[in-house]
Each structure stands twice: as C-alpha cells, then as structure tokens.
Amino acid sequence: MVPLLAADDAARSGCGPPGYSRQQTFFRRRGSTGGRRRMDSHERRQKLLGILRDQGPLLAGSRIAELLGVTSRTVRSDVRAINASAASPVIAAEHRGYSIVDGAAPPAPVVRRESVSGHRIFTIAQRLMRARDGIDAFDLAASLSISDSALEADLTKVRTVIREFDLALTRSGNTIRLTGRESDRRRLVRQLLLGSARGATGAGLEAALHELNRYPVAELSRILEAALAESTLDLHDYELIDLTLHLAIALERIDDGHSRAAEDGDPALDPRALAAAAHVGTQLEADLGARLPDGEVRGLAELIGTRIGSAAAIGADDENVRLVRDVVDELSAQYALDITDDAFVVNLGLHVRNMLDRARAGHSVRNPLRAEFKQSHPLIHDLAVFVASRIEGRTGVSIGEDEIVYLALHLGTYLQRSLEAHDVVDVVCVVPRHYDSRTAFIERLSVHLGDTVRLRLLASLLPDWAGINADLIVSVIELPVGLQRDAVAVTPIPSRAELDRIGDAVRRVRHRKSAARIRWTLTELLDPRLFRRVARTTRDEALRSMCEDLTAAGVASDGFHEDVLARERLSSTAFGGQIAVPHSFRMDCSRTAISVVMSEEPIDWGGSSVRMVVLFALSPTGRHAYRDVLGAVIAMLSDEARVARIVRDSADYEDFVRAIVAETSRN
C-alpha cells in the first residue's frame, strides 16, 4: 500500500480569503507549495543555511547568490542577520567564501505571523465542527488569547472558506454555530486536516491521520480491503487510502454525535458497493465495537461506487468508450501518435466513466503524484490536459488537476516508450562469430541497459569503423587508434565495471542528443524580433506581448492569444526551475516558432515563480518539434541555477543564444 492519498471534495469554483489559494490549500500562503514563488528573507536565510550544510564545507558567495537567485550583497546581508539572531556566530566568512562554524547552535526559529494566523483559523473551524450547540465568542477569543476584533477578522476568513463547502456561520447573541449538511461538513474536515498537515504528501497524510487517532488506521484499511475483496472489487492503493481517510473521519464524527442520515438526492447505489459497505459495517462492530448507521453505510457505498469498475463490465459500445475513442483519435492526430490498442481505449473509458461519476457526485480525489509527475513527465501531462479539455467540452464536467494526473498515468503507461523513442541510443556491437557468444553478449547488454538503447550486432574482425552508422560502438576487438567516434572497448564477457562504462557512455550520448535538440529549438526557431528582456512583468502582460510579437512576425493569427490563455486556464504551464512553457492546443500557425521573455524579477505564474518564458507557436508540420523537445527543454531548465545563469548572461538575443549553447554543452 502507498500511504499517500487523501480526498478533497472541494472541487468548486470561487475564491478564498485574501492571501490564500484554493488550488493549494485554504490555510497556506499562496504559492507555498505546488510551485515556486519569490522567497521572503526568512525562507531565503533558511535555504542559505541548507546550501552551506549540503554543499560545504566552503562555498563562494557568488555561487550561493547564483543558487538563491540574489546578489552577493544580499548574501552578505543575510549572513550578518543569521549570525545576529544566534547566541554565537553560525556562519564563518572569509575571502574564499562562507562555511558553517563547527558546533554552532542554529539560530532561533522565527515565528511567522501568517502561519500563526493560518493555524488559528484551522483551530476555530475545527472547534466549530465539533460543537453541537455552538461556541461562545468571548470564550473562544479568550481560549485563543486574542482580542475580540482579531476573532472577528478570523471569523470573516472562516466564513469565506466554508462557503466553498456550502456551509455557513450563524450567530445568536454571543453563540456562533456552523450550519449545513453533514456530508458537506465532512468535506470541510478533510480540507482542514490536509491544510494543517500541509497537503497530500506522505508526511502530510501521516500528520492528518495522527489527528484521527481514535481508531487504528491500519485496522480500518485492513477491514476495507477485506470487504472489497469479499465483493470482488478491485481498488488501487491510492483509492484505498482515500476510503480509509473517509472512514476515519466518519467514525470520529459519529462518536461526536454527528451521524450522516440519508439525504435528499442520494443516488442509486451499485449493489456490489452496497454489499462491500455493509461488510465494512459488520466488521467494524465485530472487531472495533464501532457501529455504522444505515445512512453511513450508504454514504460509504456511494464513495466506493464512484471508484469501482472492471473492463469486463464495460463494452466497446459504452458511451464513455465512444467518447474516449473520439478523443484519442484527436490526440493521435494532434501529436502524431499511433494509438490503435482497443484494450487501452476500453480501460481508459472505464477510468473516465468513474472519473465523471466522481465529479457528478461531488467527490474528487487528491493525487499525491501531482507536482512530481508534471515536473518529471511534462509532455505526458500536456497530453492529459488535452484529453481533459476535450472531455470537458463534450460533457460539461470540470476536470481538476488531480484527475488530470490520473489521466496522465493511464496515457503514460501506454505511450511512454513511443514518446521517448527519440532518446533511444543506437548501439552497434562489434562481436566476431564464436559459437553462441554473440547472443550471450547482446543479452547481457540488453538486461543492463533496458529500453534506453537499440542494440544491433556487427559480426566482423575487420569492420569499416568509419562506415558504422550508430550513436555508439561497443566492441570486443581493439579499437583503432584515433577513432573519432563514441566507442567503448570491452571483453567478450563484459564485467560489471565494463557494463557500467557502457552505461556511462550511453548517458553521455543521450545527453548530447538532447542538448542538440534543445539548441536547435531555442536558437533556430527564435529570431531577434521574438526575444524580450524586461525588468519586471506579469503573466498576462508577458503572454499578450509575446503573442503580439508572433502575430506581427506573421507567425500567428489574431486568435492565437486567446487560444494560449484557454490552454493556460486548464492547467498552469509553469514548471519547476522558474520556467513556463505556454502554448496553444491549435497547431495552425504559418510556421513553427518560439518567443522568449526573460524577466529580471520573478513573474507570479499561477502561484509559481517564473523568470524565463518560452512560448511555442506550432504549425501543422511542427508537432514533432514540440513533442520531441518539450521534455528535454524542461529537464534542462528545471535547474534554478541554470536559469539564473541564462537570465544573468542574456542581455540581448545574441547573448541568449550564447548562453543556451554554453548551458547545453555542460554535462
């Protein structure tokens, strides 16, 4: 089991209180997770300490400034502030650089006002959730050691948050009450727990479940798993953890006297899901002495029902399969893919059916892989956004970022190998005939290198070395002196060390191929008219100016700007490392080109901090360029220090080209 997932049923539109972001969590400052933003002085100094600890023992001030994206003067100022906040100096400064003083005690932690306020809002909401008869406002303010005016300010924020869950605060005299349906209250409980635990990460879920400590979580998970197996239902681990969190919340709410009765509009239930939920109720009472009322059993069955299904139970003529087949055909045409596997389409149709059922029932899931997957597999994520946009357009059902990543997992499982075909290194193995030694040689290399290479055999003692068409030569015969090729000489039975040398050579060749694609894309597709360096800008201003430049150059039409904004609304195109790669889903430009904006100050890009924007304008013949280079561009530019160097060194177009060549030449 992978203990990472938690539910988030707050998939509704609206806005949170000032300074808060609904997409991340209601109780964290905007941009604190799920994307980078400009650090304040406290965060920057903590990161400075971490850099010195991790990369010491002695680090030049210029290198620290580069890693932090600040000036050397700011580094000196931060070092002085860190030392002033500690009982004795923590950082030693000398002409060669900075280092951590041996045995130095860390500086006192800084208590930040916004984190205190956020925790207080969480506490107020939790207390209101548990108080059946309401809470006296004076008593609440006194228990929190805050003034009446501060409490009123916090209650205003709480009202804004709970409105997202169809809940409200009412007041009678000094008594404050939370009103609304029990099912909506539980959705709020999930968000409160995840908000206080800082999101749906492994550590976050552990912290959330720690607060639900009346029942053993492992036992709840075991009971659920056994009940699902009894009803021949198959849920993956993420869904099982989701249900475990739901059950833990339900049991604590029941203990506090807040049982869920059957509600108007409860949907018809899948018999298998209802049987599994009833089995859970029976086992809870037998093993833990906890009773699930009928309304709770039906609520659990409803959740199970939105997460179950089997490919055998859905036919090729199912409306969801037809929908997926149409969308996949569009995807194939758009990105020059070849998706012809009917089993894949049926399985994706099953997933889409369950996804739409969840959305229509008001249930959504948190995906623990969200940020990591988008960063690691940008192209597959983009394909999933395309699929989600087409499904939204045909069904009218909004699909959130967490569900997009689940779509990406399905697509990636099927498409990953074909999408990475351009990264495969072509290796020719020069192995003379000697019984079955050639077969054993190829098998040994294949096991060690996997699908990162394409192995071909050349059986000769006198090969034409110059005529071998391959990225890399691996030879068991002596290599000629002065051979100007990537080549590795090994014995007929390669040792572990020799296999590692071959692997290192493959990685070097793959890096060089990737760097060449990036250089071509960022230099050949860009001309001086499409490059801008600015002191500061906003996301909307940057996109508007870039689209205007492309239109003026005759590359894009007048509707291009709106197409780019439409793609951005579906899912942010910002990635780690301070880079954004916006684009349109329409490949209707007159030619394939890119526009680049470099900003000296970070741009707030949907909660992420961006300093380099690479906008793709694609023609019908340019889909291969985008498809084959996107991952490589983002992989190279996900390094903040690398982006910082490019921004620093790119005063104009010519400097930018030189900086890109320099960075792609690095290992």
Foldseek 3Di string as FASTA:
>chain_A
DDQFWAWALLPDDDAAPPQAGVVFARQDGFLPDLFAAQDDLQVLLVVLVVCQVVPDQFDALCVSCLQNLHDSVSVVVSQVVQQVQAPHRQWDQDPRGIHGDPPGDGGDDDDDPSNLLSVLLLVVLVVLLLDPFFDFLVVSCVVSVHDSVSSVVSVVRNQRVLVSLVWHWDDDPRGIHIDDAPVSSLSVLRSSQLSVLRHRGSSSSVSSVVVLPPDDLVVLLVQLVVLCVVLPWDFDPNLSSHLSSVVSSQQVCVVSVNHHADDPPQDDFDPSLLSSLVSSQVVCCVPPVGHHPPRRSSVSRLSVRLGTDDLVVDDCPHPLLVLQVVLVVVLCLLQVHDDDDSSLSSVLSRLVSSQQSCQVVSIDIAANCQQVCCLQPVLLLLSLLSSQVSVCVVPVGADDSRVSVVSSVSVCVVCVLVLCVLLAFEEEEEAADDPCLVVVQVVVLCVLQPRSYDYHYDHDPDDPLVPDPGQEYEYCDDDDPPRPHHYAHAHSNHDPVSSVVVVVSSVVSSLLSLLVLVLCQLQVQDDQLQEEEEQDDEPLVVLVVNVVSCVVVQFDPPCFSVQQVVSCVSDHQDHALQEGETEGSDQDTPAKHKHKYAYSAFYCGSSHTHGIYIYIRHHSVRSNSCSNNVSSVSVLRNSNSLSSVLSVQPPGDVSNSVSSNVSSPDD
